[in-house]
Protein backbone atom coordinates (compact mmCIF):
# COMPACT_ATOMS: atom_id res chain seq x y z
CA MET A 1 2.40 24.71 -30.85
CA THR A 2 2.99 20.99 -30.59
CA ASP A 3 -0.24 19.04 -31.11
CA TYR A 4 -1.13 17.35 -27.77
CA LYS A 5 -3.45 14.74 -29.47
CA ALA A 6 -0.62 13.71 -31.90
CA ILE A 7 1.65 13.01 -28.86
CA VAL A 8 -0.73 11.07 -26.56
CA GLY A 9 -3.27 9.82 -29.06
CA LYS A 10 -6.31 11.58 -27.56
CA GLY A 11 -7.55 15.17 -27.16
CA ILE A 12 -7.76 17.23 -23.99
CA LYS A 13 -10.86 16.47 -22.09
CA VAL A 14 -12.96 19.35 -20.78
CA VAL A 15 -14.63 18.58 -17.41
CA SER A 16 -16.37 20.46 -14.66
CA THR A 17 -14.58 18.54 -11.87
CA ASN A 18 -11.06 17.03 -11.81
CA LEU A 19 -10.56 13.52 -13.16
CA ASP A 20 -10.28 10.55 -10.72
CA ASN A 21 -7.24 8.31 -10.41
CA ALA A 22 -8.21 5.84 -13.22
CA GLU A 23 -8.78 8.56 -15.78
CA ALA A 24 -6.14 11.15 -14.81
CA GLU A 25 -2.85 9.35 -14.98
CA GLY A 26 -0.85 10.22 -18.08
CA GLN A 27 -2.96 12.99 -19.48
CA ILE A 28 -3.85 16.74 -19.16
CA TRP A 29 -7.46 17.96 -18.92
CA PHE A 30 -9.22 21.34 -18.71
CA ASN A 31 -11.38 22.12 -15.65
CA SER A 32 -14.14 24.34 -16.96
CA THR A 33 -15.09 25.35 -13.41
CA THR A 34 -11.77 26.80 -12.47
CA GLY A 35 -10.68 27.72 -16.04
CA GLU A 36 -7.33 25.82 -15.61
CA PHE A 37 -5.47 23.03 -17.36
CA LYS A 38 -4.63 20.21 -14.90
CA ASP A 39 -2.53 17.08 -14.64
CA VAL A 40 -1.17 14.70 -12.11
CA VAL A 41 2.44 14.79 -10.99
CA ASN A 42 4.44 11.95 -9.37
CA ILE A 43 5.61 12.70 -5.83
CA GLU A 44 8.25 10.98 -3.65
CA ALA A 45 7.71 11.27 0.07
CA TRP A 46 8.04 9.58 3.46
CA SER A 47 4.97 9.79 5.60
CA SER A 48 4.29 8.95 9.28
CA ALA A 49 2.52 5.62 9.89
CA SER A 50 1.41 3.57 12.91
CA PRO A 51 4.13 2.65 15.41
CA LEU A 52 5.51 -0.71 16.42
CA SER A 53 3.93 -2.04 19.63
CA THR A 54 7.46 -2.45 21.12
CA PRO A 55 10.30 0.04 20.40
CA ARG A 56 13.38 -1.87 19.35
CA PHE A 57 16.26 -1.99 16.81
CA ASN A 58 18.50 -4.49 15.00
CA MET A 59 15.50 -6.69 14.06
CA GLY A 60 15.35 -9.31 11.28
CA SER A 61 13.00 -8.49 8.35
CA GLY A 62 11.39 -10.41 5.52
CA ASN A 63 11.69 -9.44 1.90
CA THR A 64 8.11 -8.45 1.64
CA PRO A 65 5.66 -5.88 0.13
CA VAL A 66 4.60 -3.00 2.27
CA THR A 67 1.24 -4.41 2.74
CA ALA A 68 2.48 -7.73 4.22
CA GLY A 69 5.59 -6.77 6.18
CA LEU A 70 7.41 -9.03 8.71
CA ILE A 71 9.96 -8.11 11.44
CA PHE A 72 11.16 -10.17 14.34
CA GLY A 73 13.57 -10.17 17.25
CA GLY A 74 15.67 -7.13 18.03
CA SER A 75 17.37 -5.26 20.86
CA GLY A 76 16.85 -6.65 24.39
CA LYS A 77 17.02 -10.24 22.91
CA SER A 78 13.40 -9.78 21.83
CA THR A 79 11.35 -12.77 20.74
CA ALA A 80 8.57 -10.46 19.40
CA THR A 81 7.28 -10.85 15.83
CA GLU A 82 5.13 -8.12 14.28
CA ASN A 83 3.23 -8.07 10.95
CA TYR A 84 2.54 -4.92 8.97
CA ASP A 85 -0.54 -4.67 6.76
CA GLY A 86 0.22 -1.15 5.30
CA THR A 87 -1.90 0.45 8.05
CA GLY A 88 -0.70 -0.93 11.39
CA TRP A 89 1.29 -3.59 13.21
CA SER A 90 -0.20 -6.82 14.65
CA THR A 91 1.35 -9.44 16.90
CA GLY A 92 2.77 -12.71 15.37
CA GLY A 93 4.19 -15.78 17.02
CA ALA A 94 7.24 -15.48 19.25
CA LEU A 95 10.78 -16.59 18.27
CA GLY A 96 11.97 -19.60 20.11
CA THR A 97 15.14 -17.81 20.96
CA GLY A 98 15.25 -14.05 21.43
CA ARG A 99 18.13 -12.35 19.74
CA TYR A 100 19.20 -9.26 17.74
CA GLN A 101 21.39 -8.52 14.74
CA LEU A 102 19.81 -11.56 13.07
CA SER A 103 19.34 -11.91 9.32
CA GLY A 104 15.99 -12.40 7.68
CA PHE A 105 14.31 -13.12 4.41
CA GLY A 106 11.12 -14.63 3.15
CA THR A 107 7.50 -13.55 3.48
CA GLN A 108 4.98 -12.90 6.20
CA THR A 109 3.69 -16.46 5.96
CA ALA A 110 6.91 -18.14 5.05
CA GLY A 111 9.84 -16.27 6.75
CA LEU A 112 13.28 -17.20 7.99
CA GLY A 113 15.51 -15.82 10.78
CA ALA A 114 19.23 -16.77 10.85
CA GLY A 115 22.13 -16.22 13.29
CA GLY A 116 22.15 -13.15 15.44
CA TYR A 117 23.56 -12.27 18.93
CA ALA A 118 22.36 -13.07 22.43
CA SER A 119 24.44 -13.13 25.59
CA PRO A 120 25.74 -14.99 27.57
CA SER A 121 28.95 -15.95 25.80
CA PRO A 122 29.33 -17.07 23.09
CA GLY A 123 26.96 -14.41 21.96
CA ASP A 124 27.00 -15.10 18.24
CA LYS A 125 24.44 -17.64 17.15
CA ALA A 126 24.12 -20.20 14.40
CA LEU A 127 20.48 -20.85 15.20
CA VAL A 128 17.99 -20.78 12.38
CA GLU A 129 14.20 -20.63 12.68
CA GLU A 130 11.40 -20.78 10.04
CA TYR A 131 8.10 -18.93 10.32
CA ASN A 132 4.78 -20.23 8.85
CA GLY A 133 2.72 -17.08 9.58
CA THR A 134 1.76 -18.30 13.04
CA SER A 135 4.74 -19.87 14.83
CA TRP A 136 8.52 -20.34 14.56
CA SER A 137 10.26 -23.73 14.49
CA GLU A 138 14.00 -24.58 14.61
CA VAL A 139 15.63 -25.96 11.46
CA ASN A 140 19.23 -26.71 10.41
CA ASP A 141 21.78 -24.26 11.90
CA LEU A 142 24.25 -22.17 9.97
CA PRO A 143 27.59 -23.81 9.36
CA ALA A 144 29.07 -21.21 11.69
CA ALA A 145 27.68 -18.57 14.00
CA ARG A 146 27.36 -14.99 12.69
CA ARG A 147 25.44 -11.77 13.19
CA GLY A 148 24.62 -8.70 11.20
CA ALA A 149 24.61 -10.37 7.76
CA ALA A 150 22.49 -9.17 4.81
CA GLY A 151 19.52 -11.38 3.86
CA PHE A 152 17.48 -11.78 0.65
CA GLY A 153 15.33 -14.25 -1.20
CA THR A 154 12.55 -16.66 -0.10
CA GLN A 155 12.29 -19.28 2.51
CA THR A 156 13.15 -22.03 -0.03
CA ALA A 157 15.65 -20.07 -2.09
CA GLY A 158 17.30 -17.49 0.16
CA ALA A 159 20.80 -16.25 1.12
CA ILE A 160 22.75 -14.32 3.76
CA ALA A 161 25.95 -12.53 3.07
CA GLY A 162 28.73 -10.88 5.11
CA GLY A 163 28.39 -10.21 8.88
CA VAL A 164 30.46 -10.67 11.92
CA PRO A 165 33.01 -12.10 12.77
CA ASN A 166 34.57 -10.53 9.65
CA LEU A 167 32.83 -12.76 7.20
CA ASN A 168 32.65 -12.06 3.52
CA THR A 169 31.12 -15.43 2.59
CA THR A 170 27.51 -16.08 1.17
CA LEU A 171 25.36 -18.99 2.25
CA HIS A 172 22.42 -20.31 0.25
CA TYR A 173 19.37 -21.93 1.87
CA ASP A 174 17.04 -24.32 -0.08
CA GLY A 175 14.36 -24.79 2.53
CA THR A 176 16.42 -27.52 4.27
CA ASN A 177 20.19 -27.08 4.02
CA TRP A 178 22.78 -24.42 3.81
CA THR A 179 25.41 -24.44 1.13
CA SER A 180 28.29 -22.06 0.16
CA GLY A 181 27.72 -19.36 -2.47
CA GLY A 182 29.85 -16.46 -3.77
CA THR A 183 32.37 -14.46 -1.84
CA LEU A 184 32.24 -10.67 -1.38
CA PRO A 185 35.58 -8.89 -2.03
CA ALA A 186 38.02 -8.70 0.85
CA GLY A 187 37.16 -6.06 3.36
CA GLN A 188 33.47 -6.14 2.45
CA ASP A 189 32.21 -7.92 5.56
CA ARG A 190 29.05 -5.73 5.38
CA THR A 191 28.36 -5.69 9.11
CA GLU A 192 24.82 -4.34 9.76
CA GLY A 193 24.10 -4.77 6.07
CA GLY A 194 20.84 -4.62 4.30
CA GLY A 195 20.21 -6.81 1.27
CA THR A 196 17.15 -7.34 -0.98
CA GLY A 197 16.09 -9.09 -4.17
CA THR A 198 16.13 -12.87 -5.05
CA LEU A 199 18.73 -15.58 -4.74
CA THR A 200 19.65 -15.19 -8.38
CA ALA A 201 19.22 -11.35 -8.51
CA GLY A 202 20.34 -9.98 -5.18
CA PHE A 203 21.29 -6.53 -4.25
CA LEU A 204 23.30 -5.10 -1.34
CA ALA A 205 24.21 -1.46 -0.73
CA ALA A 206 23.57 -0.64 2.95
CA GLY A 207 26.48 -1.53 5.27
CA ASP A 208 29.94 -0.62 6.35
CA ASN A 209 30.94 0.43 2.84
CA ARG A 210 29.32 2.76 0.29
CA THR A 211 29.96 0.36 -2.56
CA SER A 212 26.95 -1.56 -3.84
CA PHE A 213 26.93 -5.12 -5.07
CA GLU A 214 24.76 -7.30 -7.38
CA TYR A 215 24.50 -11.08 -6.93
CA ASP A 216 23.66 -13.56 -9.77
CA GLY A 217 23.25 -16.64 -7.63
CA SER A 218 26.99 -17.50 -7.74
CA SER A 219 29.16 -14.38 -7.69
CA TRP A 220 29.06 -10.79 -6.56
CA THR A 221 29.78 -7.86 -8.91
CA ALA A 222 30.75 -4.46 -7.51
CA GLY A 223 28.41 -1.58 -8.64
CA PRO A 224 28.35 2.21 -8.07
CA SER A 225 28.68 3.82 -4.62
CA THR A 226 25.93 5.49 -2.72
CA SER A 227 26.17 9.18 -2.00
CA SER A 228 25.75 8.77 1.83
CA ASP A 229 26.86 6.24 4.34
CA HIS A 230 24.08 3.82 5.10
CA ASP A 231 25.73 1.72 7.76
CA GLY A 232 23.00 -0.06 9.62
CA GLY A 233 20.56 1.15 6.97
CA SER A 234 18.17 -0.89 4.77
CA ASP A 235 17.78 -2.05 1.22
CA THR A 236 14.37 -2.85 -0.22
CA GLY A 237 13.00 -3.58 -3.69
CA ILE A 238 14.54 -5.67 -6.58
CA GLN A 239 17.93 -5.64 -8.21
CA THR A 240 16.83 -3.27 -10.99
CA ALA A 241 14.58 -1.07 -8.82
CA ALA A 242 16.02 -0.79 -5.21
CA ILE A 243 15.69 1.69 -2.44
CA THR A 244 18.43 2.31 0.15
CA PHE A 245 17.67 4.40 3.27
CA GLY A 246 18.61 5.17 6.84
CA GLY A 247 21.71 4.11 8.76
CA PHE A 248 24.32 6.09 10.56
CA LEU A 249 27.37 8.11 9.65
CA SER A 250 30.83 7.75 11.22
CA PRO A 251 30.65 7.70 15.03
CA GLY A 252 29.45 10.95 16.50
CA SER A 253 28.19 12.27 13.12
CA GLY A 254 24.49 11.37 13.48
CA GLN A 255 21.88 9.40 11.58
CA VAL A 256 21.12 9.22 7.89
CA THR A 257 17.82 10.57 6.67
CA SER A 258 18.53 10.35 2.92
CA THR A 259 16.94 7.99 0.46
CA GLU A 260 18.80 6.71 -2.61
CA LEU A 261 17.11 4.92 -5.67
CA TYR A 262 18.98 2.28 -7.71
CA ASN A 263 17.75 1.51 -11.28
CA GLY A 264 20.16 -1.38 -12.01
CA THR A 265 22.89 0.95 -13.27
CA SER A 266 23.19 4.03 -10.99
CA PHE A 267 22.02 5.74 -7.88
CA THR A 268 19.95 8.91 -7.61
CA THR A 269 19.19 10.77 -4.43
CA SER A 270 15.47 11.09 -3.87
CA PRO A 271 13.98 14.37 -2.71
CA ALA A 272 12.25 12.36 0.05
CA THR A 273 13.89 12.34 3.42
CA MET A 274 13.07 10.41 6.58
CA ALA A 275 11.71 12.34 9.49
CA ASN A 276 13.72 10.16 11.86
CA GLY A 277 17.25 9.10 10.81
CA ARG A 278 17.96 5.78 12.41
CA TYR A 279 19.83 2.52 12.00
CA GLY A 280 18.92 -1.10 12.76
CA ILE A 281 15.52 -0.66 11.01
CA GLY A 282 12.83 -3.20 10.40
CA ASN A 283 11.87 -2.84 6.80
CA GLY A 284 9.91 -4.02 3.84
CA GLY A 285 9.03 -3.09 0.31
CA PHE A 286 9.40 -5.12 -2.93
CA THR A 287 8.49 -2.96 -5.85
CA GLY A 288 11.03 -0.11 -5.84
CA THR A 289 8.32 2.42 -5.48
CA SER A 290 7.28 1.88 -1.81
CA ALA A 291 8.92 0.89 1.40
CA PHE A 292 8.43 1.07 5.20
CA ALA A 293 10.88 1.64 8.04
CA GLY A 294 9.84 0.42 11.43
CA GLY A 295 11.59 1.07 14.72
CA GLY A 296 15.43 1.59 14.88
CA ASP A 297 17.85 3.54 17.07
CA LYS A 298 18.48 7.24 16.80
CA ASN A 299 21.70 6.95 18.98
CA PRO A 300 20.63 7.33 21.60
CA GLY A 301 17.03 6.59 21.75
CA THR A 302 15.22 3.39 20.52
CA ILE A 303 12.01 4.32 18.80
CA ALA A 304 8.83 2.57 17.64
CA ASP A 305 8.06 5.06 14.86
CA THR A 306 7.09 3.79 11.43
CA GLU A 307 7.44 5.73 8.23
CA GLU A 308 6.35 4.78 4.65
CA TYR A 309 8.07 5.85 1.46
CA ASN A 310 5.96 6.10 -1.67
CA SER A 311 6.71 7.27 -5.27
CA SER A 312 3.23 7.79 -6.60
CA ILE A 313 0.86 10.17 -8.19
CA ASN A 314 -1.09 10.03 -4.93
CA VAL A 315 -0.41 12.18 -1.90
CA LEU A 316 -0.73 10.29 1.37
CA THR A 317 -1.86 12.07 4.42
CA ALA A 318 -0.88 10.00 7.53
CA GLY A 319 -3.41 9.01 10.08
CA ALA A 320 -3.24 11.25 13.18
CA TRP A 321 -4.94 12.61 16.28
CA ALA A 322 -5.58 16.34 16.52
CA THR A 323 -6.72 18.57 19.28
CA GLY A 324 -10.48 19.21 19.44
CA GLY A 325 -12.65 21.55 21.47
CA SER A 326 -12.50 20.95 25.31
CA LEU A 327 -15.45 19.72 27.35
CA ASN A 328 -17.11 22.47 29.34
CA THR A 329 -16.75 20.21 32.44
CA GLY A 330 -13.65 18.11 32.75
CA ARG A 331 -14.35 14.63 34.10
CA TYR A 332 -13.58 10.91 33.93
CA PHE A 333 -15.62 7.64 34.15
CA LEU A 334 -18.00 9.29 31.69
CA GLY A 335 -20.27 7.78 29.01
CA GLY A 336 -19.94 8.62 25.32
CA THR A 337 -21.53 7.78 22.00
CA GLY A 338 -22.24 9.32 18.56
CA THR A 339 -19.93 10.40 15.76
CA GLN A 340 -16.95 12.65 15.37
CA THR A 341 -19.13 15.58 14.31
CA ALA A 342 -22.13 14.64 16.47
CA GLY A 343 -20.80 13.28 19.66
CA LEU A 344 -22.38 12.93 23.06
CA ALA A 345 -20.79 13.00 26.55
CA PHE A 346 -22.81 12.28 29.68
CA GLY A 347 -22.28 11.43 33.35
CA GLY A 348 -18.93 10.91 34.87
CA PHE A 349 -17.05 12.10 37.92
CA ASP A 350 -15.47 15.54 38.63
CA SER A 351 -15.55 16.15 42.33
CA SER A 352 -18.65 13.90 42.64
CA ALA A 353 -21.02 12.00 40.50
CA SER A 354 -22.09 14.05 37.51
CA GLY A 355 -25.25 14.31 35.43
CA LYS A 356 -23.68 16.73 33.01
CA THR A 357 -24.52 16.15 29.36
CA GLU A 358 -22.70 17.78 26.40
CA GLN A 359 -23.08 17.61 22.62
CA TYR A 360 -20.16 17.98 20.11
CA ASP A 361 -20.58 19.49 16.70
CA GLY A 362 -17.09 18.75 15.34
CA SER A 363 -15.42 21.73 16.98
CA THR A 364 -17.17 22.79 20.27
CA TRP A 365 -19.09 21.14 23.12
CA SER A 366 -22.39 22.67 24.28
CA GLU A 367 -24.15 21.89 27.53
CA GLN A 368 -27.57 20.19 27.46
CA ASN A 369 -30.07 19.02 30.04
CA ASP A 370 -28.58 16.79 32.74
CA LEU A 371 -29.21 13.10 33.31
CA GLY A 372 -32.13 12.40 35.59
CA THR A 373 -29.74 10.39 37.82
CA ALA A 374 -26.16 11.66 38.26
CA ARG A 375 -23.71 8.82 37.94
CA TYR A 376 -20.33 7.62 36.79
CA THR A 377 -18.97 4.47 34.98
CA ILE A 378 -22.18 4.57 33.08
CA GLY A 379 -22.91 2.37 30.00
CA GLY A 380 -23.97 3.96 26.78
CA ALA A 381 -25.30 3.24 23.27
CA GLY A 382 -26.92 4.97 20.32
CA ILE A 383 -26.38 8.31 18.58
CA GLN A 384 -26.46 12.01 19.63
CA THR A 385 -30.13 12.39 18.99
CA ALA A 386 -31.18 8.88 20.28
CA ALA A 387 -28.95 7.77 22.99
CA LEU A 388 -29.20 5.29 25.85
CA GLY A 389 -27.53 5.55 29.32
CA PHE A 390 -27.72 2.64 31.89
CA GLY A 391 -26.19 1.46 35.16
CA GLY A 392 -23.33 3.22 36.88
CA GLY A 393 -22.35 4.31 40.36
CA PRO A 394 -21.97 5.24 43.12
CA GLY A 395 -23.25 1.97 44.27
CA THR A 396 -24.68 -0.36 41.70
CA LYS A 397 -27.43 1.55 39.81
CA ASN A 398 -29.94 -0.12 37.55
CA GLU A 399 -31.62 3.08 36.20
CA THR A 400 -31.95 3.32 32.36
CA GLU A 401 -32.50 6.67 30.57
CA GLU A 402 -33.18 7.63 26.95
CA TYR A 403 -31.91 10.90 25.35
CA ASN A 404 -33.74 12.56 22.36
CA GLY A 405 -31.27 15.18 21.54
CA THR A 406 -32.59 17.56 24.17
CA SER A 407 -33.46 15.82 27.36
CA TRP A 408 -33.29 12.48 29.20
CA SER A 409 -36.38 10.30 30.26
CA GLU A 410 -36.40 7.47 32.60
CA GLN A 411 -37.09 3.92 31.22
CA ASN A 412 -37.34 0.33 32.55
CA ASN A 413 -34.43 -0.59 34.73
CA LEU A 414 -31.68 -3.11 34.03
CA SER A 415 -32.42 -6.55 35.41
CA THR A 416 -29.27 -6.30 37.62
CA GLY A 417 -27.82 -3.03 39.00
CA ARG A 418 -24.15 -2.54 38.27
CA ARG A 419 -21.54 0.08 37.74
CA SER A 420 -18.38 0.03 35.45
CA ILE A 421 -20.63 -1.49 32.79
CA GLY A 422 -19.77 -1.90 29.10
CA GLY A 423 -22.28 -1.02 26.28
CA THR A 424 -22.87 -0.72 22.59
CA GLY A 425 -25.72 -0.78 20.01
CA THR A 426 -28.66 1.54 19.50
CA GLN A 427 -31.40 3.14 21.52
CA THR A 428 -33.85 0.44 20.39
CA ALA A 429 -31.41 -2.41 20.32
CA GLY A 430 -28.92 -1.84 23.10
CA LEU A 431 -26.31 -4.24 24.60
CA ALA A 432 -25.00 -4.07 28.21
CA PHE A 433 -22.28 -6.44 29.46
CA GLY A 434 -19.89 -6.92 32.44
CA GLY A 435 -19.57 -4.54 35.24
CA PHE A 436 -19.49 -4.66 38.98
CA THR A 437 -22.37 -5.85 41.14
CA GLY A 438 -20.39 -6.42 44.31
CA SER A 439 -18.20 -8.81 42.33
CA ILE A 440 -17.04 -8.65 38.69
CA SER A 441 -19.82 -9.64 36.35
CA ASP A 442 -19.97 -11.65 33.17
CA ALA A 443 -23.68 -10.99 32.61
CA THR A 444 -25.21 -9.58 29.39
CA GLU A 445 -28.52 -7.85 28.89
CA GLU A 446 -30.29 -6.75 25.72
CA TYR A 447 -32.60 -3.76 25.33
CA ASP A 448 -35.44 -3.63 22.84
CA GLY A 449 -36.45 0.01 23.35
CA THR A 450 -38.73 -0.85 26.17
CA SER A 451 -37.24 -3.51 28.51
CA TRP A 452 -34.10 -5.51 29.22
CA THR A 453 -33.70 -9.29 28.89
CA ASN A 454 -30.83 -11.54 29.70
CA GLY A 455 -28.41 -12.54 26.99
CA GLY A 456 -25.34 -14.83 26.74
CA ALA A 457 -22.60 -14.59 29.45
CA LEU A 458 -19.12 -13.16 28.65
CA ASN A 459 -16.28 -15.77 28.63
CA THR A 460 -14.22 -13.36 30.67
CA ALA A 461 -15.96 -11.36 33.47
CA ARG A 462 -14.78 -7.73 33.45
CA ARG A 463 -15.53 -4.18 34.41
CA ILE A 464 -14.74 -0.76 32.83
CA SER A 465 -14.56 -2.42 29.40
CA SER A 466 -15.45 -0.86 26.18
CA GLY A 467 -17.90 -1.84 23.35
CA SER A 468 -18.39 -1.41 19.64
CA GLY A 469 -20.85 -2.65 17.04
CA THR A 470 -24.47 -3.69 17.35
CA GLN A 471 -26.68 -5.91 19.51
CA THR A 472 -26.28 -8.83 17.05
CA ALA A 473 -22.70 -8.14 16.08
CA GLY A 474 -21.06 -6.55 19.04
CA LEU A 475 -17.58 -6.43 20.63
CA ALA A 476 -16.46 -6.37 24.26
CA ILE A 477 -12.92 -4.93 24.52
CA GLY A 478 -10.47 -4.94 27.40
CA GLY A 479 -11.36 -4.24 31.06
CA GLY A 480 -10.25 -5.75 34.31
CA PRO A 481 -9.14 -6.49 36.91
CA PRO A 482 -6.75 -8.20 36.41
CA ASN A 483 -5.33 -6.59 33.29
CA THR A 484 -6.92 -8.01 30.18
CA GLY A 485 -6.69 -7.39 26.49
CA ALA A 486 -9.43 -9.92 25.87
CA THR A 487 -11.74 -9.17 23.00
CA GLU A 488 -15.05 -11.10 22.53
CA GLU A 489 -17.52 -10.97 19.71
CA TYR A 490 -21.37 -11.20 20.30
CA ASN A 491 -23.67 -12.75 17.66
CA GLY A 492 -26.96 -11.92 19.35
CA SER A 493 -27.00 -14.87 21.72
CA ALA A 494 -23.51 -15.92 22.66
CA TRP A 495 -19.97 -14.42 23.03
CA SER A 496 -16.86 -15.96 21.40
CA GLU A 497 -13.25 -15.10 22.05
CA SER A 498 -11.21 -13.29 19.45
CA GLY A 499 -7.83 -11.71 19.08
CA ASP A 500 -6.52 -9.86 22.17
CA LEU A 501 -5.40 -6.26 22.20
CA ILE A 502 -1.65 -5.90 21.59
CA ILE A 503 -1.18 -3.52 24.54
CA SER A 504 -3.34 -4.85 27.43
CA ARG A 505 -5.05 -2.04 29.37
CA ARG A 506 -6.82 -2.85 32.64
CA THR A 507 -9.51 -0.13 32.69
CA GLY A 508 -10.93 2.97 31.10
CA GLY A 509 -9.93 2.70 27.46
CA ALA A 510 -12.55 3.89 24.91
CA SER A 511 -13.83 2.59 21.56
CA ASN A 512 -15.67 4.20 18.73
CA GLY A 513 -19.36 4.16 19.35
CA ALA A 514 -20.14 4.16 15.63
CA GLY A 515 -17.61 1.40 14.97
CA THR A 516 -18.57 -2.14 13.84
CA GLN A 517 -17.62 -5.62 14.83
CA THR A 518 -15.27 -5.80 11.88
CA ALA A 519 -13.94 -2.16 12.07
CA ALA A 520 -13.41 -0.93 15.60
CA LEU A 521 -10.90 1.49 17.20
CA TYR A 522 -9.68 1.30 20.87
CA PHE A 523 -7.66 4.09 22.41
CA GLY A 524 -6.30 5.19 25.74
CA GLY A 525 -6.70 3.32 29.13
CA ALA A 526 -4.85 2.88 32.35
CA PRO A 527 -2.57 -0.15 32.37
CA GLY A 528 -1.68 0.36 36.03
CA ALA A 529 -2.59 2.95 38.65
CA PRO A 530 -5.26 5.46 37.61
CA SER A 531 -2.71 8.14 36.86
CA THR A 532 -0.79 5.99 34.42
CA GLY A 533 -2.76 6.43 31.20
CA THR A 534 -1.61 5.62 27.70
CA GLY A 535 -2.15 7.27 24.31
CA ALA A 536 -1.94 3.92 22.45
CA THR A 537 -4.37 3.30 19.70
CA GLU A 538 -5.30 0.05 17.94
CA GLY A 539 -7.69 -0.97 15.08
CA TYR A 540 -9.62 -4.22 14.79
CA ASP A 541 -10.44 -5.93 11.49
CA GLY A 542 -12.77 -8.65 12.65
CA THR A 543 -9.98 -11.03 13.54
CA SER A 544 -7.00 -9.15 15.16
CA TRP A 545 -5.80 -5.79 16.40
CA SER A 546 -2.97 -3.70 14.85
CA THR A 547 -1.44 -0.51 15.93
CA ARG A 548 -2.53 3.02 14.90
CA PRO A 549 -1.07 6.44 15.62
CA SER A 550 -1.10 7.38 19.32
CA MET A 551 -3.04 10.15 20.97
CA ALA A 552 -1.07 13.25 21.96
CA THR A 553 -2.25 12.96 25.59
CA ALA A 554 -1.83 9.64 27.46
CA ARG A 555 -4.93 9.07 29.52
CA GLY A 556 -7.27 6.65 31.18
CA TYR A 557 -10.96 6.46 32.16
CA ILE A 558 -12.07 8.28 29.02
CA ALA A 559 -14.94 8.05 26.59
CA GLY A 560 -15.14 7.75 22.86
CA ALA A 561 -17.28 8.10 19.76
CA GLY A 562 -17.13 7.90 15.98
CA SER A 563 -15.93 5.32 13.47
CA GLN A 564 -12.62 3.57 12.79
CA THR A 565 -11.64 6.25 10.40
CA LEU A 566 -13.09 9.34 12.16
CA ALA A 567 -13.09 8.97 15.97
CA LEU A 568 -13.40 11.14 19.08
CA ALA A 569 -11.72 10.82 22.48
CA PHE A 570 -12.74 12.95 25.45
CA GLY A 571 -12.23 13.33 29.29
CA LYS A 572 -9.46 11.81 31.30
CA TYR A 573 -8.32 11.02 34.86
CA PRO A 574 -7.95 13.17 36.89
CA ALA A 575 -10.91 15.33 35.78
CA GLY A 576 -9.78 16.47 32.38
CA ALA A 577 -11.66 18.24 29.59
CA GLN A 578 -9.25 17.37 26.70
CA THR A 579 -10.72 16.19 23.34
CA GLU A 580 -8.87 14.66 20.44
CA GLU A 581 -10.10 13.83 16.96
CA PHE A 582 -8.66 10.90 14.92
CA THR A 583 -8.51 10.85 11.17
CA ALA A 584 -7.27 7.72 9.43
CA GLU A 585 -4.77 7.82 6.53
CA THR A 586 -6.18 9.30 3.33
CA SER A 587 -4.90 9.25 -0.24
CA ALA A 588 -5.57 11.90 -2.96
CA LEU A 589 -4.30 12.57 -6.48
CA ASN A 590 -1.34 14.96 -6.61
CA ILE A 591 -3.17 17.34 -9.02
CA LYS A 592 -1.29 20.36 -10.36
CA THR A 593 -2.21 23.30 -12.42
CA VAL A 594 -0.43 23.39 -15.73
CA ASP A 595 1.52 26.66 -16.46
CA THR A 596 0.29 27.87 -19.85
CA THR A 597 2.15 31.16 -19.71
CA ASN A 598 4.71 30.22 -22.32
CA ILE A 599 2.50 28.02 -24.46
């Protein structure tokens, strides 16, 4: 038998548990607990990720890594800019002129959008805008209007090539001016092309023709052909390690799901296929081993879906909501707190104000002793075995109750009675804010385990908002009316405005009761009439919100619990009992058992 140590320079480790990522790559080990030889195997796969906030296609994209993606513009003459951090999408500054089929290159903090199309006639544009990570500004126009060209490079050393109307020319950008570059062969206008790489090492495969091309900064050289059409598809990576994916086949033949890898010499077809074939994709990826695809058109059907490609020894499990056990009593306007495996639901409205209390153990809800005062739009804080309920309706109640895991006991009242009140914190350090007293309130009160005292006023008065964090590091999220996505942070004495929700929801969204001021999750809500709920989910990082996978059931006037990575949503309008559990994206080594049969 071949000597393993002679090949790899070290012997086979014997361990009782599998090796972790740092130790495992590139070697075999023996797991003494299972009696098996193990190693890690590279895997190529697309996985679902958080959706765009706005479905669209034919966007411009930067040449960016997966963790710092940039897309802008798109169908409907969109002005929207969205940033991708490898987990979700956040809102950037708006383009000065909305358009689609525009070319893009650069980074999330130094991007460029050139040309594009927007009616009225003449629809083709020569307009160019630069992005500084916050806002767009107009710079020197293209020498002539065009749309659908490939783009690659950086904001100070970039290029566009091909496009409509029937152009095979290349233009270079130096951060100020446009100059002529190499010419693609006749008939290679590359409408809806991709493009990736740098100004002196560019690559182009996606487009009207299967032939690929490499660019050296002055001229194009034809390379091998892709196996599938990728018209309207995407190129990411570098010239010697590129990924081409998506697009559409000849009219009426459907969308492309295949992924092809280029190593600087030839293409190979990856075993990884996209769940949604599409064209006009917003994209990113600059290593040749990872990429993202955001939005696009399935012909027909504009989508917001995002998928990530990874070639790695790690298996990624996408974040998602899953069905949990139903409440025993369906209701809305209820209070909630706790964790995903130790949640608490109390109060609410079914056919009248409810005092029902239920505990969740990670799979089922069990009924407990009722609140002393039945009520709805109640504020809440704490954990399953040490919770706090305060305020609510009907009317404007000021009652406060503490829960010990079995029963509720009455405590000192709020200073001001109110319903539709927001809350967060713990049983001995609670925070109540906003609500309705006969008018919409901006008042804040702090609880010390015995009594309430006044705190700093909200900047934006609101009702039916949601909270996360602690008494000295809290969040007030959303609420209304009117519709607001306003988010405020509390430091123990005063509120300060922070980044707004991407999707404003007027009332009845929920947040994770065990979340923090720098890691919150917000989900659901009613952006219009009570019956018009949403399943949209967003995550907060202490500065801004970004998208997360949506709930299966769109709903408003719900309650929530848990953390940013393990959350719980329950109830809905009208009186619903549905529960969903959220688990954030996870990564684990792709460990395989070594077949020793023939050794």
